[in-house]
Amino acid sequence: MHDPPDEPAAAAPHDHSGNPLHGVTLERMLTELVEHFGWEAMGQRIRIRCFTSDPSIASSLKFLRRTPWARDKVEGMYLYMLRERARRLKRL
């Protein structure tokens, strides 16, 4: 009789503890960004029409889900906002 072949080690579960975007939906990101910066400031930072011409969460979500480079920019702005909030809290 032959011994069964060695089983490959199970993949370790992904550790997302260091990723501040883990579990954050695009809709939540947009909502928080609009509350923090407002549509006008967002449109100045990221020059996309869904932020500057009749902006809405729904139209922005539709565009960002189809446009990876724009989503990357929004994620970057969100991370910037989180860092800014953290710095403010440290000062208090």
C-alpha atoms as a PDB file:
ATOM      1  CA  MET A   1       0.000   0.000   0.000  1.00  0.00           C
ATOM      2  CA  HIS A   2       1.095   3.490  -0.744  1.00  0.00           C
ATOM      3  CA  ASP A   3       0.879   6.396   1.640  1.00  0.00           C
ATOM      4  CA  PRO A   4      -1.401   9.194   0.446  1.00  0.00           C
ATOM      5  CA  PRO A   5       0.458  12.102  -1.109  1.00  0.00           C
ATOM      6  CA  ASP A   6       1.217  15.005   1.175  1.00  0.00           C
ATOM      7  CA  GLU A   7      -1.616  17.482   1.206  1.00  0.00           C
ATOM      8  CA  PRO A   8      -0.630  21.046   0.412  1.00  0.00           C
ATOM      9  CA  ALA A   9      -0.941  23.339   3.399  1.00  0.00           C
ATOM     10  CA  ALA A  10      -4.202  25.194   3.482  1.00  0.00           C
ATOM     11  CA  ALA A  11      -3.878  28.768   2.417  1.00  0.00           C
ATOM     12  CA  ALA A  12      -3.670  31.106   5.367  1.00  0.00           C
ATOM     13  CA  PRO A  13      -6.675  33.348   5.709  1.00  0.00           C
ATOM     14  CA  HIS A  14      -6.108  36.836   4.385  1.00  0.00           C
ATOM     15  CA  ASP A  15      -5.070  39.272   7.081  1.00  0.00           C
ATOM     16  CA  HIS A  16      -6.725  42.584   6.325  1.00  0.00           C
ATOM     17  CA  SER A  17      -6.079  44.148   9.721  1.00  0.00           C
ATOM     18  CA  GLY A  18      -3.679  46.677   8.189  1.00  0.00           C
ATOM     19  CA  ASN A  19      -5.945  47.620   5.285  1.00  0.00           C
ATOM     20  CA  PRO A  20      -8.202  50.566   6.208  1.00  0.00           C
ATOM     21  CA  LEU A  21     -10.274  49.970   3.048  1.00  0.00           C
ATOM     22  CA  HIS A  22     -11.186  46.391   3.982  1.00  0.00           C
ATOM     23  CA  GLY A  23     -14.934  46.118   4.457  1.00  0.00           C
ATOM     24  CA  VAL A  24     -15.620  49.702   3.367  1.00  0.00           C
ATOM     25  CA  THR A  25     -18.082  49.915   0.512  1.00  0.00           C
ATOM     26  CA  LEU A  26     -17.641  52.390  -2.293  1.00  0.00           C
ATOM     27  CA  GLU A  27     -20.965  53.940  -1.325  1.00  0.00           C
ATOM     28  CA  ARG A  28     -19.767  54.492   2.249  1.00  0.00           C
ATOM     29  CA  MET A  29     -16.517  56.035   0.966  1.00  0.00           C
ATOM     30  CA  LEU A  30     -18.413  58.450  -1.270  1.00  0.00           C
ATOM     31  CA  THR A  31     -20.886  59.382   1.438  1.00  0.00           C
ATOM     32  CA  GLU A  32     -18.123  60.139   3.937  1.00  0.00           C
ATOM     33  CA  LEU A  33     -16.108  62.067   1.361  1.00  0.00           C
ATOM     34  CA  VAL A  34     -19.091  64.213   0.415  1.00  0.00           C
ATOM     35  CA  GLU A  35     -19.784  64.924   4.095  1.00  0.00           C
ATOM     36  CA  HIS A  36     -16.128  65.805   4.703  1.00  0.00           C
ATOM     37  CA  PHE A  37     -15.156  67.703   1.526  1.00  0.00           C
ATOM     38  CA  GLY A  38     -18.385  68.420  -0.358  1.00  0.00           C
ATOM     39  CA  TRP A  39     -18.971  67.816  -4.079  1.00  0.00           C
ATOM     40  CA  GLU A  40     -17.249  71.016  -5.206  1.00  0.00           C
ATOM     41  CA  ALA A  41     -13.970  70.265  -3.421  1.00  0.00           C
ATOM     42  CA  MET A  42     -14.083  66.649  -4.594  1.00  0.00           C
ATOM     43  CA  GLY A  43     -14.559  67.838  -8.180  1.00  0.00           C
ATOM     44  CA  GLN A  44     -11.555  70.124  -7.831  1.00  0.00           C
ATOM     45  CA  ARG A  45      -9.372  67.315  -6.467  1.00  0.00           C
ATOM     46  CA  ILE A  46     -10.567  64.655  -8.918  1.00  0.00           C
ATOM     47  CA  ARG A  47     -11.671  66.161 -12.226  1.00  0.00           C
ATOM     48  CA  ILE A  48     -14.501  63.846 -13.206  1.00  0.00           C
ATOM     49  CA  ARG A  49     -17.891  64.979 -14.447  1.00  0.00           C
ATOM     50  CA  CYS A  50     -19.909  62.919 -11.965  1.00  0.00           C
ATOM     51  CA  PHE A  51     -18.453  65.149  -9.211  1.00  0.00           C
ATOM     52  CA  THR A  52     -18.840  68.466 -11.046  1.00  0.00           C
ATOM     53  CA  SER A  53     -22.004  68.267 -13.148  1.00  0.00           C
ATOM     54  CA  ASP A  54     -25.210  67.484 -11.226  1.00  0.00           C
ATOM     55  CA  PRO A  55     -23.377  65.202  -8.756  1.00  0.00           C
ATOM     56  CA  SER A  56     -25.078  62.372  -6.920  1.00  0.00           C
ATOM     57  CA  ILE A  57     -24.021  59.253  -5.088  1.00  0.00           C
ATOM     58  CA  ALA A  58     -25.878  57.063  -7.609  1.00  0.00           C
ATOM     59  CA  SER A  59     -24.237  58.571 -10.722  1.00  0.00           C
ATOM     60  CA  SER A  60     -20.826  58.535  -9.068  1.00  0.00           C
ATOM     61  CA  LEU A  61     -21.173  54.897  -8.043  1.00  0.00           C
ATOM     62  CA  LYS A  62     -22.143  53.914 -11.573  1.00  0.00           C
ATOM     63  CA  PHE A  63     -19.124  55.692 -13.060  1.00  0.00           C
ATOM     64  CA  LEU A  64     -16.618  54.576 -10.415  1.00  0.00           C
ATOM     65  CA  ARG A  65     -17.630  50.926 -10.671  1.00  0.00           C
ATOM     66  CA  ARG A  66     -16.806  51.009 -14.405  1.00  0.00           C
ATOM     67  CA  THR A  67     -13.665  53.164 -14.173  1.00  0.00           C
ATOM     68  CA  PRO A  68     -10.802  51.665 -12.150  1.00  0.00           C
ATOM     69  CA  TRP A  69      -8.468  54.690 -12.407  1.00  0.00           C
ATOM     70  CA  ALA A  70     -11.176  56.979 -10.980  1.00  0.00           C
ATOM     71  CA  ARG A  71     -11.996  54.515  -8.209  1.00  0.00           C
ATOM     72  CA  ASP A  72      -8.289  54.396  -7.299  1.00  0.00           C
ATOM     73  CA  LYS A  73      -8.280  58.177  -6.975  1.00  0.00           C
ATOM     74  CA  VAL A  74     -11.386  58.113  -4.769  1.00  0.00           C
ATOM     75  CA  GLU A  75      -9.821  55.435  -2.569  1.00  0.00           C
ATOM     76  CA  GLY A  76      -6.695  57.596  -2.291  1.00  0.00           C
ATOM     77  CA  MET A  77      -8.772  60.613  -1.278  1.00  0.00           C
ATOM     78  CA  TYR A  78     -10.582  58.474   1.287  1.00  0.00           C
ATOM     79  CA  LEU A  79      -7.285  57.302   2.777  1.00  0.00           C
ATOM     80  CA  TYR A  80      -6.111  60.923   2.915  1.00  0.00           C
ATOM     81  CA  MET A  81      -9.301  61.859   4.766  1.00  0.00           C
ATOM     82  CA  LEU A  82      -8.784  59.026   7.274  1.00  0.00           C
ATOM     83  CA  ARG A  83      -5.205  60.173   7.942  1.00  0.00           C
ATOM     84  CA  GLU A  84      -6.408  63.753   8.373  1.00  0.00           C
ATOM     85  CA  ARG A  85      -9.058  62.640  10.874  1.00  0.00           C
ATOM     86  CA  ALA A  86      -6.520  60.579  12.811  1.00  0.00           C
ATOM     87  CA  ARG A  87      -4.131  63.557  13.048  1.00  0.00           C
ATOM     88  CA  ARG A  88      -6.936  65.762  14.366  1.00  0.00           C
ATOM     89  CA  LEU A  89      -7.874  63.211  17.005  1.00  0.00           C
ATOM     90  CA  LYS A  90      -4.260  62.973  18.187  1.00  0.00           C
ATOM     91  CA  ARG A  91      -4.203  66.723  18.786  1.00  0.00           C
ATOM     92  CA  LEU A  92      -7.227  66.575  21.093  1.00  0.00           C
END
